[in-house]
C-alpha cells in the first residue's frame, strides 16, 4: 500500500497545470478539473483522518488492557464559602415598669 501522504502530494502536484489554466487563463474546463481534484483530495484526507483516528483508538484500548494502573481519585470538592455574617439582631425595648 502506498504511503497516504505520498498519494496526497501526487494528487496536488497533478493539479498544478489545471490550477494555472483556471486561475491565470480563466479556462473553465480546467476549473472543473480543479474542483474534481479538490473533491478527490477531500475524500483522501477524510479517509486518512479516519484511519489515524482508528489507529489511535486501537492503541488506547490495547494499551489500557495491558496496563492495569489504578486511576487516581478525583480531588475532593472545596467547602462552600462561608455565608456572609448577618447583622446582630436588635435588642428588644425594655419593658415598661409596673406601678
N, C-alpha and C. Protein backbone atom coordinates (compact mmCIF):
# COMPACT_ATOMS: atom_id res chain seq x y z
N UNK A 1 0.85 -1.17 0.00
CA UNK A 1 0.00 0.00 0.00
C UNK A 1 0.90 1.24 0.00
N UNK A 2 0.55 2.20 -0.82
CA UNK A 2 1.34 3.42 -0.92
C UNK A 2 1.12 4.28 0.32
N UNK A 3 2.11 5.05 0.62
CA UNK A 3 2.04 5.98 1.74
C UNK A 3 0.92 6.99 1.46
N UNK A 4 -0.03 7.17 2.37
CA UNK A 4 -1.14 8.11 2.14
C UNK A 4 -0.66 9.54 1.88
N UNK A 5 0.40 9.94 2.54
CA UNK A 5 0.92 11.30 2.34
C UNK A 5 1.44 11.46 0.92
N UNK A 6 2.09 10.43 0.39
CA UNK A 6 2.61 10.47 -0.97
C UNK A 6 1.46 10.58 -1.97
N UNK A 7 0.37 9.87 -1.71
CA UNK A 7 -0.79 9.94 -2.60
C UNK A 7 -1.35 11.36 -2.64
N UNK A 8 -1.41 12.01 -1.47
CA UNK A 8 -1.92 13.39 -1.40
C UNK A 8 -1.01 14.33 -2.18
N UNK A 9 0.31 14.19 -1.96
CA UNK A 9 1.26 15.07 -2.67
C UNK A 9 1.16 14.87 -4.18
N UNK A 10 1.07 13.63 -4.62
CA UNK A 10 0.96 13.35 -6.05
C UNK A 10 -0.30 13.98 -6.64
N UNK A 11 -1.40 13.88 -5.91
CA UNK A 11 -2.65 14.47 -6.39
C UNK A 11 -2.53 15.99 -6.51
N UNK A 12 -1.97 16.62 -5.50
CA UNK A 12 -1.80 18.09 -5.55
C UNK A 12 -0.89 18.48 -6.71
N UNK A 13 0.21 17.76 -6.88
CA UNK A 13 1.13 18.07 -7.98
C UNK A 13 0.47 17.87 -9.34
N UNK A 14 -0.40 16.88 -9.46
CA UNK A 14 -1.06 16.63 -10.74
C UNK A 14 -2.05 17.74 -11.09
N UNK A 15 -2.50 18.49 -10.11
CA UNK A 15 -3.46 19.57 -10.36
C UNK A 15 -2.81 20.90 -10.69
N UNK A 16 -1.49 20.97 -10.61
CA UNK A 16 -0.80 22.25 -10.80
C UNK A 16 -1.12 22.90 -12.14
N UNK A 17 -1.04 22.16 -13.23
CA UNK A 17 -1.32 22.74 -14.55
C UNK A 17 -2.75 23.26 -14.65
N UNK A 18 -3.69 22.47 -14.12
CA UNK A 18 -5.09 22.90 -14.18
C UNK A 18 -5.34 24.14 -13.33
N UNK A 19 -4.64 24.26 -12.20
CA UNK A 19 -4.76 25.47 -11.39
C UNK A 19 -4.29 26.69 -12.19
N UNK A 20 -3.15 26.56 -12.84
CA UNK A 20 -2.62 27.68 -13.63
C UNK A 20 -3.57 28.06 -14.75
N UNK A 21 -4.09 27.06 -15.46
CA UNK A 21 -5.01 27.34 -16.57
C UNK A 21 -6.29 27.98 -16.06
N UNK A 22 -6.77 27.52 -14.93
CA UNK A 22 -8.02 28.04 -14.40
C UNK A 22 -7.86 29.45 -13.85
N UNK A 23 -6.85 29.65 -13.00
CA UNK A 23 -6.68 30.96 -12.36
C UNK A 23 -6.04 32.00 -13.26
N UNK A 24 -5.02 31.61 -14.02
CA UNK A 24 -4.30 32.60 -14.83
C UNK A 24 -4.98 32.86 -16.17
N UNK A 25 -5.55 31.83 -16.78
CA UNK A 25 -6.10 31.98 -18.13
C UNK A 25 -7.62 31.94 -18.16
N UNK A 26 -8.24 31.64 -17.02
CA UNK A 26 -9.70 31.63 -16.97
C UNK A 26 -10.33 30.46 -17.71
N UNK A 27 -9.61 29.37 -17.85
CA UNK A 27 -10.09 28.20 -18.57
C UNK A 27 -11.12 27.47 -17.69
N UNK A 28 -12.39 27.46 -18.15
CA UNK A 28 -13.48 26.87 -17.36
C UNK A 28 -13.32 25.35 -17.22
N UNK A 29 -12.88 24.68 -18.27
CA UNK A 29 -12.71 23.22 -18.20
C UNK A 29 -11.64 22.86 -17.18
N UNK A 30 -10.58 23.65 -17.12
CA UNK A 30 -9.53 23.40 -16.13
C UNK A 30 -10.08 23.62 -14.73
N UNK A 31 -10.97 24.60 -14.58
CA UNK A 31 -11.60 24.85 -13.28
C UNK A 31 -12.42 23.65 -12.84
N UNK A 32 -13.10 23.02 -13.80
CA UNK A 32 -13.87 21.82 -13.48
C UNK A 32 -12.95 20.71 -13.00
N UNK A 33 -11.82 20.55 -13.66
CA UNK A 33 -10.85 19.52 -13.25
C UNK A 33 -10.27 19.84 -11.87
N UNK A 34 -10.06 21.11 -11.58
CA UNK A 34 -9.55 21.51 -10.26
C UNK A 34 -10.59 21.14 -9.19
N UNK A 35 -11.86 21.46 -9.44
CA UNK A 35 -12.90 21.14 -8.46
C UNK A 35 -13.00 19.63 -8.24
N UNK A 36 -12.90 18.88 -9.32
CA UNK A 36 -12.95 17.42 -9.21
C UNK A 36 -11.76 16.90 -8.41
N UNK A 37 -10.57 17.44 -8.69
CA UNK A 37 -9.37 17.04 -7.97
C UNK A 37 -9.43 17.42 -6.50
N UNK A 38 -9.99 18.59 -6.20
CA UNK A 38 -10.10 19.02 -4.82
C UNK A 38 -11.09 18.13 -4.06
N UNK A 39 -12.14 17.68 -4.72
CA UNK A 39 -13.09 16.76 -4.07
C UNK A 39 -12.39 15.44 -3.78
N UNK A 40 -11.58 14.97 -4.71
CA UNK A 40 -10.82 13.74 -4.50
C UNK A 40 -9.83 13.91 -3.35
N UNK A 41 -9.20 15.08 -3.28
CA UNK A 41 -8.28 15.39 -2.19
C UNK A 41 -9.01 15.37 -0.85
N UNK A 42 -10.20 15.95 -0.82
CA UNK A 42 -11.01 15.96 0.40
C UNK A 42 -11.34 14.53 0.83
N UNK A 43 -11.73 13.70 -0.13
CA UNK A 43 -12.08 12.31 0.19
C UNK A 43 -10.87 11.55 0.73
N UNK A 44 -9.69 11.77 0.13
CA UNK A 44 -8.47 11.13 0.63
C UNK A 44 -8.16 11.61 2.05
N UNK A 45 -8.28 12.91 2.25
CA UNK A 45 -7.98 13.47 3.58
C UNK A 45 -8.93 12.90 4.63
N UNK A 46 -10.20 12.77 4.29
CA UNK A 46 -11.17 12.22 5.23
C UNK A 46 -10.83 10.77 5.56
N UNK A 47 -10.45 10.00 4.55
CA UNK A 47 -10.09 8.60 4.78
C UNK A 47 -8.85 8.50 5.66
N UNK A 48 -7.88 9.38 5.44
CA UNK A 48 -6.66 9.37 6.26
C UNK A 48 -6.99 9.73 7.70
N UNK A 49 -7.82 10.74 7.89
CA UNK A 49 -8.21 11.14 9.25
C UNK A 49 -8.88 9.98 9.98
N UNK A 50 -9.78 9.28 9.29
CA UNK A 50 -10.47 8.14 9.91
C UNK A 50 -9.46 7.04 10.26
N UNK A 51 -8.55 6.77 9.36
CA UNK A 51 -7.54 5.73 9.60
C UNK A 51 -6.67 6.08 10.80
N UNK A 52 -6.24 7.32 10.89
CA UNK A 52 -5.40 7.75 12.00
C UNK A 52 -6.18 7.68 13.31
N UNK A 53 -7.44 8.10 13.28
CA UNK A 53 -8.27 8.05 14.48
C UNK A 53 -8.47 6.60 14.93
N UNK A 54 -8.72 5.71 13.98
CA UNK A 54 -8.89 4.29 14.32
C UNK A 54 -7.62 3.72 14.93
N UNK A 55 -6.46 4.08 14.37
CA UNK A 55 -5.19 3.60 14.93
C UNK A 55 -5.01 4.10 16.35
N UNK A 56 -5.36 5.36 16.59
CA UNK A 56 -5.23 5.94 17.94
C UNK A 56 -6.16 5.22 18.91
N UNK A 57 -7.41 5.00 18.48
CA UNK A 57 -8.38 4.34 19.35
C UNK A 57 -7.97 2.91 19.65
N UNK A 58 -7.44 2.21 18.67
CA UNK A 58 -6.99 0.83 18.88
C UNK A 58 -5.80 0.78 19.82
N UNK A 59 -4.93 1.76 19.74
CA UNK A 59 -3.79 1.82 20.64
C UNK A 59 -4.25 2.07 22.06
N UNK A 60 -5.23 2.93 22.24
CA UNK A 60 -5.75 3.22 23.58
C UNK A 60 -6.37 1.99 24.20
N UNK A 61 -7.20 1.27 23.43
CA UNK A 61 -7.88 0.11 24.00
C UNK A 61 -6.88 -1.01 24.27
N UNK A 62 -5.91 -1.18 23.40
CA UNK A 62 -4.89 -2.20 23.61
C UNK A 62 -4.01 -1.82 24.79
N UNK A 63 -3.60 -0.56 24.86
CA UNK A 63 -2.75 -0.10 25.95
C UNK A 63 -3.47 -0.15 27.28
N UNK A 64 -4.74 0.14 27.31
CA UNK A 64 -5.50 0.15 28.56
C UNK A 64 -5.66 -1.27 29.10
N UNK A 65 -5.76 -2.23 28.20
CA UNK A 65 -5.94 -3.60 28.65
C UNK A 65 -4.66 -4.16 29.25
N UNK A 66 -3.50 -3.71 28.75
CA UNK A 66 -2.24 -4.24 29.26
C UNK A 66 -1.77 -3.54 30.51
N UNK A 67 -2.09 -2.28 30.66
CA UNK A 67 -1.63 -1.57 31.87
C UNK A 67 -2.79 -1.48 32.84
N UNK A 68 -2.60 -2.07 33.99
CA UNK A 68 -3.66 -2.08 35.00
C UNK A 68 -3.37 -1.07 36.09
N UNK A 69 -2.87 0.08 35.70
CA UNK A 69 -2.56 1.11 36.69
C UNK A 69 -3.86 1.68 37.22
N UNK A 70 -3.98 1.80 38.53
CA UNK A 70 -5.22 2.34 39.10
C UNK A 70 -5.35 3.82 38.77
N UNK A 71 -6.59 4.23 38.62
CA UNK A 71 -6.84 5.64 38.36
C UNK A 71 -6.77 6.40 39.66
N UNK A 72 -6.36 7.64 39.56
CA UNK A 72 -6.33 8.49 40.76
C UNK A 72 -7.74 8.90 41.10
N UNK A 73 -8.00 9.05 42.38
CA UNK A 73 -9.30 9.50 42.82
C UNK A 73 -9.46 10.97 42.47
N UNK A 74 -10.66 11.35 42.20
CA UNK A 74 -10.93 12.74 41.89
C UNK A 74 -10.68 13.59 43.13
N UNK A 75 -10.15 14.78 42.95
CA UNK A 75 -9.90 15.62 44.12
C UNK A 75 -11.20 15.97 44.82
N UNK A 76 -11.13 16.11 46.14
CA UNK A 76 -12.31 16.43 46.93
C UNK A 76 -12.78 17.83 46.57
N UNK A 77 -14.08 18.00 46.65
CA UNK A 77 -14.64 19.31 46.35
C UNK A 77 -14.30 20.27 47.47
N UNK A 78 -14.12 21.51 47.12
CA UNK A 78 -13.84 22.53 48.12
C UNK A 78 -15.11 22.82 48.90
N UNK A 79 -14.93 23.16 50.18
CA UNK A 79 -16.07 23.50 51.02
C UNK A 79 -16.68 24.79 50.51
N UNK A 80 -17.96 24.91 50.68
CA UNK A 80 -18.65 26.10 50.23
C UNK A 80 -18.14 27.30 51.03
N UNK A 81 -18.13 28.43 50.40
CA UNK A 81 -17.69 29.65 51.07
C UNK A 81 -18.64 29.96 52.22
N UNK A 82 -18.10 30.43 53.36
CA UNK A 82 -18.99 30.73 54.49
C UNK A 82 -19.97 31.84 54.11
N UNK A 83 -21.15 31.73 54.67
CA UNK A 83 -22.18 32.73 54.39
C UNK A 83 -21.76 34.05 55.01
N UNK A 84 -22.21 35.11 54.42
CA UNK A 84 -21.89 36.43 54.95
C UNK A 84 -22.51 36.56 56.33
N UNK A 85 -21.79 37.20 57.24
CA UNK A 85 -22.30 37.34 58.61
C UNK A 85 -23.49 38.29 58.60
N UNK A 86 -24.53 37.85 59.28
CA UNK A 86 -25.73 38.68 59.38
C UNK A 86 -25.49 39.72 60.48
N UNK A 87 -26.14 40.86 60.33
CA UNK A 87 -26.03 41.90 61.34
C UNK A 87 -26.69 41.38 62.62
N UNK A 88 -26.11 41.70 63.81
CA UNK A 88 -26.71 41.22 65.07
C UNK A 88 -28.13 41.76 65.23
N UNK A 89 -28.97 40.92 65.80
CA UNK A 89 -30.37 41.32 65.99
C UNK A 89 -30.44 42.45 67.01
N UNK A 90 -31.41 43.32 66.81
CA UNK A 90 -31.58 44.45 67.74
C UNK A 90 -32.17 43.92 69.04
N UNK A 91 -31.76 44.54 70.12
CA UNK A 91 -32.31 44.16 71.42
C UNK A 91 -33.72 44.69 71.55
N UNK A 92 -34.52 43.95 72.28
CA UNK A 92 -35.91 44.40 72.50
C UNK A 92 -35.92 45.60 73.41
N UNK A 93 -36.90 46.43 73.22
CA UNK A 93 -37.04 47.63 74.07
C UNK A 93 -37.36 47.17 75.49
N UNK A 94 -36.81 47.87 76.49
CA UNK A 94 -37.10 47.48 77.88
C UNK A 94 -38.59 47.53 78.18
N UNK A 95 -39.02 46.62 78.98
CA UNK A 95 -40.44 46.56 79.35
C UNK A 95 -40.79 47.78 80.22
N UNK A 96 -42.03 48.19 80.13
CA UNK A 96 -42.49 49.33 80.94
C UNK A 96 -42.55 48.89 82.40
N UNK A 97 -42.22 49.82 83.32
CA UNK A 97 -42.25 49.49 84.75
C UNK A 97 -43.66 49.44 85.25
N UNK A 98 -43.92 48.54 86.20
CA UNK A 98 -45.24 48.40 86.79
C UNK A 98 -45.38 49.42 87.89
N UNK A 99 -46.55 50.00 88.10
CA UNK A 99 -46.81 50.98 89.17
C UNK A 99 -47.49 50.37 90.31
